[in-house]
PDB file of N, CA and C in Angstrom:
ATOM      1  N   UNK A   1     128.570 189.300 -20.557  1.00  0.00           N
ATOM      2  CA  UNK A   1     128.396 188.278 -19.535  1.00  0.00           C
ATOM      3  C   UNK A   1     127.145 188.551 -18.711  1.00  0.00           C
ATOM      4  N   UNK A   2     126.902 189.836 -18.432  1.00  0.00           N
ATOM      5  CA  UNK A   2     125.745 190.190 -17.614  1.00  0.00           C
ATOM      6  C   UNK A   2     124.446 189.884 -18.353  1.00  0.00           C
ATOM      7  N   UNK A   3     124.418 190.127 -19.677  1.00  0.00           N
ATOM      8  CA  UNK A   3     123.223 189.834 -20.463  1.00  0.00           C
ATOM      9  C   UNK A   3     122.941 188.336 -20.489  1.00  0.00           C
ATOM     10  N   UNK A   4     123.999 187.545 -20.597  1.00  0.00           N
ATOM     11  CA  UNK A   4     123.841 186.099 -20.604  1.00  0.00           C
ATOM     12  C   UNK A   4     123.255 185.619 -19.283  1.00  0.00           C
ATOM     13  N   UNK A   5     123.725 186.190 -18.183  1.00  0.00           N
ATOM     14  CA  UNK A   5     123.229 185.817 -16.864  1.00  0.00           C
ATOM     15  C   UNK A   5     121.774 186.223 -16.684  1.00  0.00           C
ATOM     16  N   UNK A   6     121.419 187.422 -17.169  1.00  0.00           N
ATOM     17  CA  UNK A   6     120.047 187.906 -17.022  1.00  0.00           C
ATOM     18  C   UNK A   6     119.063 187.063 -17.822  1.00  0.00           C
ATOM     19  N   UNK A   7     119.483 186.567 -18.994  1.00  0.00           N
ATOM     20  CA  UNK A   7     118.601 185.745 -19.816  1.00  0.00           C
ATOM     21  C   UNK A   7     118.438 184.337 -19.249  1.00  0.00           C
ATOM     22  N   UNK A   8     119.445 183.840 -18.576  1.00  0.00           N
ATOM     23  CA  UNK A   8     119.451 182.448 -18.120  1.00  0.00           C
ATOM     24  C   UNK A   8     119.451 182.331 -16.599  1.00  0.00           C
ATOM     25  N   UNK A   9     118.597 183.079 -15.950  1.00  0.00           N
ATOM     26  CA  UNK A   9     118.527 183.020 -14.490  1.00  0.00           C
ATOM     27  C   UNK A   9     118.056 181.660 -13.991  1.00  0.00           C
ATOM     28  N   UNK A  10     117.310 180.965 -14.819  1.00  0.00           N
ATOM     29  CA  UNK A  10     116.795 179.666 -14.406  1.00  0.00           C
ATOM     30  C   UNK A  10     117.915 178.664 -14.150  1.00  0.00           C
ATOM     31  N   UNK A  11     119.088 178.884 -14.738  1.00  0.00           N
ATOM     32  CA  UNK A  11     120.223 177.988 -14.504  1.00  0.00           C
ATOM     33  C   UNK A  11     120.635 178.037 -13.036  1.00  0.00           C
ATOM     34  N   UNK A  12     120.484 179.204 -12.422  1.00  0.00           N
ATOM     35  CA  UNK A  12     120.777 179.350 -10.995  1.00  0.00           C
ATOM     36  C   UNK A  12     119.931 178.404 -10.155  1.00  0.00           C
ATOM     37  N   UNK A  13     118.762 178.082 -10.623  1.00  0.00           N
ATOM     38  CA  UNK A  13     117.869 177.197  -9.887  1.00  0.00           C
ATOM     39  C   UNK A  13     118.063 175.744 -10.296  1.00  0.00           C
ATOM     40  N   UNK A  14     118.204 175.497 -11.585  1.00  0.00           N
ATOM     41  CA  UNK A  14     118.233 174.123 -12.075  1.00  0.00           C
ATOM     42  C   UNK A  14     119.507 173.359 -11.730  1.00  0.00           C
ATOM     43  N   UNK A  15     120.647 174.015 -11.765  1.00  0.00           N
ATOM     44  CA  UNK A  15     121.908 173.315 -11.490  1.00  0.00           C
ATOM     45  C   UNK A  15     121.965 172.812 -10.038  1.00  0.00           C
ATOM     46  N   UNK A  16     121.712 173.664  -9.032  1.00  0.00           N
ATOM     47  CA  UNK A  16     121.722 173.132  -7.665  1.00  0.00           C
ATOM     48  C   UNK A  16     120.626 172.095  -7.424  1.00  0.00           C
ATOM     49  N   UNK A  17     119.480 172.287  -8.056  1.00  0.00           N
ATOM     50  CA  UNK A  17     118.400 171.312  -7.906  1.00  0.00           C
ATOM     51  C   UNK A  17     118.808 169.960  -8.488  1.00  0.00           C
ATOM     52  N   UNK A  18     119.444 169.970  -9.632  1.00  0.00           N
ATOM     53  CA  UNK A  18     119.935 168.732 -10.234  1.00  0.00           C
ATOM     54  C   UNK A  18     120.976 168.042  -9.377  1.00  0.00           C
ATOM     55  N   UNK A  19     121.901 168.822  -8.819  1.00  0.00           N
ATOM     56  CA  UNK A  19     122.919 168.237  -7.934  1.00  0.00           C
ATOM     57  C   UNK A  19     122.283 167.641  -6.688  1.00  0.00           C
ATOM     58  N   UNK A  20     121.281 168.309  -6.143  1.00  0.00           N
ATOM     59  CA  UNK A  20     120.581 167.797  -4.970  1.00  0.00           C
ATOM     60  C   UNK A  20     119.854 166.492  -5.295  1.00  0.00           C
ATOM     61  N   UNK A  21     119.231 166.416  -6.460  1.00  0.00           N
ATOM     62  CA  UNK A  21     118.526 165.196  -6.854  1.00  0.00           C
ATOM     63  C   UNK A  21     119.502 164.037  -7.014  1.00  0.00           C
ATOM     64  N   UNK A  22     120.663 164.301  -7.599  1.00  0.00           N
ATOM     65  CA  UNK A  22     121.688 163.256  -7.746  1.00  0.00           C
ATOM     66  C   UNK A  22     122.162 162.788  -6.371  1.00  0.00           C
ATOM     67  N   UNK A  23     122.386 163.730  -5.447  1.00  0.00           N
ATOM     68  CA  UNK A  23     122.827 163.383  -4.092  1.00  0.00           C
ATOM     69  C   UNK A  23     121.785 162.519  -3.386  1.00  0.00           C
ATOM     70  N   UNK A  24     120.524 162.921  -3.433  1.00  0.00           N
ATOM     71  CA  UNK A  24     119.455 162.165  -2.782  1.00  0.00           C
ATOM     72  C   UNK A  24     119.303 160.792  -3.428  1.00  0.00           C
ATOM     73  N   UNK A  25     119.417 160.721  -4.732  1.00  0.00           N
ATOM     74  CA  UNK A  25     119.311 159.442  -5.429  1.00  0.00           C
ATOM     75  C   UNK A  25     120.398 158.474  -4.983  1.00  0.00           C
ATOM     76  N   UNK A  26     121.628 158.973  -4.864  1.00  0.00           N
ATOM     77  CA  UNK A  26     122.727 158.111  -4.415  1.00  0.00           C
ATOM     78  C   UNK A  26     122.511 157.642  -2.977  1.00  0.00           C
ATOM     79  N   UNK A  27     122.027 158.544  -2.117  1.00  0.00           N
ATOM     80  CA  UNK A  27     121.761 158.169  -0.724  1.00  0.00           C
ATOM     81  C   UNK A  27     120.669 157.111  -0.636  1.00  0.00           C
ATOM     82  N   UNK A  28     119.606 157.278  -1.415  1.00  0.00           N
ATOM     83  CA  UNK A  28     118.504 156.326  -1.373  1.00  0.00           C
ATOM     84  C   UNK A  28     118.905 154.975  -1.956  1.00  0.00           C
ATOM     85  N   UNK A  29     119.767 154.985  -2.972  1.00  0.00           N
ATOM     86  CA  UNK A  29     120.225 153.729  -3.567  1.00  0.00           C
ATOM     87  C   UNK A  29     121.134 152.940  -2.635  1.00  0.00           C
ATOM     88  N   UNK A  30     121.812 153.617  -1.715  1.00  0.00           N
ATOM     89  CA  UNK A  30     122.684 152.915  -0.780  1.00  0.00           C
ATOM     90  C   UNK A  30     121.919 152.420   0.446  1.00  0.00           C
ATOM     91  N   UNK A  31     120.607 152.642   0.480  1.00  0.00           N
ATOM     92  CA  UNK A  31     119.802 152.134   1.588  1.00  0.00           C
ATOM     93  C   UNK A  31     119.689 153.101   2.744  1.00  0.00           C
ATOM     94  N   UNK A  32     119.701 154.369   2.463  1.00  0.00           N
ATOM     95  CA  UNK A  32     119.647 155.397   3.510  1.00  0.00           C
ATOM     96  C   UNK A  32     118.378 155.282   4.353  1.00  0.00           C
ATOM     97  N   UNK A  33     117.246 155.014   3.727  1.00  0.00           N
ATOM     98  CA  UNK A  33     115.988 154.945   4.463  1.00  0.00           C
ATOM     99  C   UNK A  33     115.488 153.517   4.648  1.00  0.00           C
ATOM    100  N   UNK A  34     116.309 152.523   4.329  1.00  0.00           N
ATOM    101  CA  UNK A  34     115.864 151.140   4.462  1.00  0.00           C
ATOM    102  C   UNK A  34     115.808 150.688   5.915  1.00  0.00           C
ATOM    103  N   UNK A  35     116.586 151.323   6.762  1.00  0.00           N
ATOM    104  CA  UNK A  35     116.520 150.970   8.176  1.00  0.00           C
ATOM    105  C   UNK A  35     115.306 151.632   8.809  1.00  0.00           C
ATOM    106  N   UNK A  36     114.942 151.167   9.965  1.00  0.00           N
ATOM    107  CA  UNK A  36     113.764 151.735  10.626  1.00  0.00           C
ATOM    108  C   UNK A  36     114.154 152.840  11.608  1.00  0.00           C
ATOM    109  N   UNK A  37     115.350 153.392  11.444  1.00  0.00           N
ATOM    110  CA  UNK A  37     115.775 154.491  12.313  1.00  0.00           C
ATOM    111  C   UNK A  37     115.000 155.750  11.959  1.00  0.00           C
ATOM    112  N   UNK A  38     114.347 156.315  12.924  1.00  0.00           N
ATOM    113  CA  UNK A  38     113.526 157.503  12.702  1.00  0.00           C
ATOM    114  C   UNK A  38     114.396 158.726  12.424  1.00  0.00           C
ATOM    115  N   UNK A  39     115.644 158.724  12.918  1.00  0.00           N
ATOM    116  CA  UNK A  39     116.544 159.859  12.685  1.00  0.00           C
ATOM    117  C   UNK A  39     116.824 160.048  11.206  1.00  0.00           C
ATOM    118  N   UNK A  40     116.995 158.939  10.486  1.00  0.00           N
ATOM    119  CA  UNK A  40     117.257 159.037   9.047  1.00  0.00           C
ATOM    120  C   UNK A  40     116.080 159.672   8.313  1.00  0.00           C
ATOM    121  N   UNK A  41     114.878 159.330   8.745  1.00  0.00           N
ATOM    122  CA  UNK A  41     113.693 159.902   8.112  1.00  0.00           C
ATOM    123  C   UNK A  41     113.591 161.402   8.403  1.00  0.00           C
ATOM    124  N   UNK A  42     113.920 161.794   9.628  1.00  0.00           N
ATOM    125  CA  UNK A  42     113.906 163.221   9.975  1.00  0.00           C
ATOM    126  C   UNK A  42     114.956 163.994   9.178  1.00  0.00           C
ATOM    127  N   UNK A  43     116.126 163.413   9.016  1.00  0.00           N
ATOM    128  CA  UNK A  43     117.184 164.056   8.221  1.00  0.00           C
ATOM    129  C   UNK A  43     116.710 164.228   6.781  1.00  0.00           C
ATOM    130  N   UNK A  44     116.099 163.200   6.214  1.00  0.00           N
ATOM    131  CA  UNK A  44     115.624 163.249   4.835  1.00  0.00           C
ATOM    132  C   UNK A  44     114.552 164.326   4.660  1.00  0.00           C
ATOM    133  N   UNK A  45     113.564 164.340   5.538  1.00  0.00           N
ATOM    134  CA  UNK A  45     112.494 165.336   5.449  1.00  0.00           C
ATOM    135  C   UNK A  45     113.045 166.737   5.697  1.00  0.00           C
ATOM    136  N   UNK A  46     113.962 166.880   6.638  1.00  0.00           N
ATOM    137  CA  UNK A  46     114.576 168.177   6.914  1.00  0.00           C
ATOM    138  C   UNK A  46     115.335 168.717   5.713  1.00  0.00           C
ATOM    139  N   UNK A  47     116.091 167.855   5.048  1.00  0.00           N
ATOM    140  CA  UNK A  47     116.821 168.271   3.842  1.00  0.00           C
ATOM    141  C   UNK A  47     115.868 168.701   2.736  1.00  0.00           C
ATOM    142  N   UNK A  48     114.796 167.945   2.556  1.00  0.00           N
ATOM    143  CA  UNK A  48     113.824 168.307   1.526  1.00  0.00           C
ATOM    144  C   UNK A  48     113.185 169.661   1.824  1.00  0.00           C
ATOM    145  N   UNK A  49     112.814 169.889   3.068  1.00  0.00           N
ATOM    146  CA  UNK A  49     112.221 171.173   3.441  1.00  0.00           C
ATOM    147  C   UNK A  49     113.207 172.320   3.260  1.00  0.00           C
ATOM    148  N   UNK A  50     114.447 172.110   3.640  1.00  0.00           N
ATOM    149  CA  UNK A  50     115.465 173.138   3.486  1.00  0.00           C
ATOM    150  C   UNK A  50     115.643 173.522   2.018  1.00  0.00           C
ATOM    151  N   UNK A  51     115.730 172.545   1.158  1.00  0.00           N
ATOM    152  CA  UNK A  51     115.903 172.805  -0.269  1.00  0.00           C
ATOM    153  C   UNK A  51     114.682 173.517  -0.844  1.00  0.00           C
ATOM    154  N   UNK A  52     113.494 173.123  -0.424  1.00  0.00           N
ATOM    155  CA  UNK A  52     112.280 173.788  -0.911  1.00  0.00           C
ATOM    156  C   UNK A  52     112.271 175.253  -0.493  1.00  0.00           C
ATOM    157  N   UNK A  53     112.620 175.551   0.758  1.00  0.00           N
ATOM    158  CA  UNK A  53     112.650 176.931   1.218  1.00  0.00           C
ATOM    159  C   UNK A  53     113.704 177.758   0.476  1.00  0.00           C
ATOM    160  N   UNK A  54     114.862 177.178   0.237  1.00  0.00           N
ATOM    161  CA  UNK A  54     115.918 177.891  -0.494  1.00  0.00           C
ATOM    162  C   UNK A  54     115.477 178.173  -1.924  1.00  0.00           C
ATOM    163  N   UNK A  55     114.877 177.191  -2.581  1.00  0.00           N
ATOM    164  CA  UNK A  55     114.401 177.398  -3.947  1.00  0.00           C
ATOM    165  C   UNK A  55     113.284 178.425  -4.000  1.00  0.00           C
ATOM    166  N   UNK A  56     112.382 178.387  -3.046  1.00  0.00           N
ATOM    167  CA  UNK A  56     111.295 179.359  -2.984  1.00  0.00           C
ATOM    168  C   UNK A  56     111.838 180.767  -2.793  1.00  0.00           C
ATOM    169  N   UNK A  57     112.790 180.925  -1.882  1.00  0.00           N
ATOM    170  CA  UNK A  57     113.410 182.224  -1.644  1.00  0.00           C
ATOM    171  C   UNK A  57     114.105 182.732  -2.907  1.00  0.00           C
ATOM    172  N   UNK A  58     114.814 181.849  -3.602  1.00  0.00           N
ATOM    173  CA  UNK A  58     115.527 182.232  -4.819  1.00  0.00           C
ATOM    174  C   UNK A  58     114.556 182.656  -5.917  1.00  0.00           C
ATOM    175  N   UNK A  59     113.484 181.903  -6.081  1.00  0.00           N
ATOM    176  CA  UNK A  59     112.499 182.232  -7.112  1.00  0.00           C
ATOM    177  C   UNK A  59     111.828 183.559  -6.819  1.00  0.00           C
ATOM    178  N   UNK A  60     111.466 183.795  -5.566  1.00  0.00           N
ATOM    179  CA  UNK A  60     110.830 185.074  -5.194  1.00  0.00           C
ATOM    180  C   UNK A  60     111.791 186.225  -5.418  1.00  0.00           C
ATOM    181  N   UNK A  61     113.062 186.054  -5.048  1.00  0.00           N
ATOM    182  CA  UNK A  61     114.053 187.112  -5.228  1.00  0.00           C
ATOM    183  C   UNK A  61     114.261 187.425  -6.712  1.00  0.00           C
ATOM    184  N   UNK A  62     114.344 186.402  -7.552  1.00  0.00           N
ATOM    185  CA  UNK A  62     114.514 186.605  -8.991  1.00  0.00           C
ATOM    186  C   UNK A  62     113.272 187.297  -9.560  1.00  0.00           C
ATOM    187  N   UNK A  63     112.090 186.895  -9.095  1.00  0.00           N
ATOM    188  CA  UNK A  63     110.854 187.488  -9.602  1.00  0.00           C
ATOM    189  C   UNK A  63     110.740 188.964  -9.222  1.00  0.00           C
ATOM    190  N   UNK A  64     111.166 189.335  -8.017  1.00  0.00           N
ATOM    191  CA  UNK A  64     111.124 190.737  -7.595  1.00  0.00           C
ATOM    192  C   UNK A  64     112.062 191.590  -8.431  1.00  0.00           C
ATOM    193  N   UNK A  65     113.195 191.036  -8.808  1.00  0.00           N
ATOM    194  CA  UNK A  65     114.182 191.789  -9.585  1.00  0.00           C
ATOM    195  C   UNK A  65     113.823 191.900 -11.053  1.00  0.00           C
ATOM    196  N   UNK A  66     112.882 191.110 -11.521  1.00  0.00           N
ATOM    197  CA  UNK A  66     112.515 191.139 -12.943  1.00  0.00           C
ATOM    198  C   UNK A  66     111.600 192.279 -13.270  1.00  0.00           C
TER     199      UNK A  66
END
C-alpha cells in the first residue's frame, strides 16, 4: 500500500482539485456571480486564493520529501 501511495502522490493533488472545480462550476452555473454584490466576488477570489495556497504548500511538501 505504501509503494502504491509513493508512486501516485499526484492523486493527492488531483482529486481535491477536481472536486473543487466541480463545486465552483456548480456555483457559477446557479448564478453565483451574476449579481452585482461585491461580497460574492470577494468570496470567489478568496476561495481561489486559498486553494492555490493549499496546492502550492502540498506540492512543495511532496517535492521536499522526494
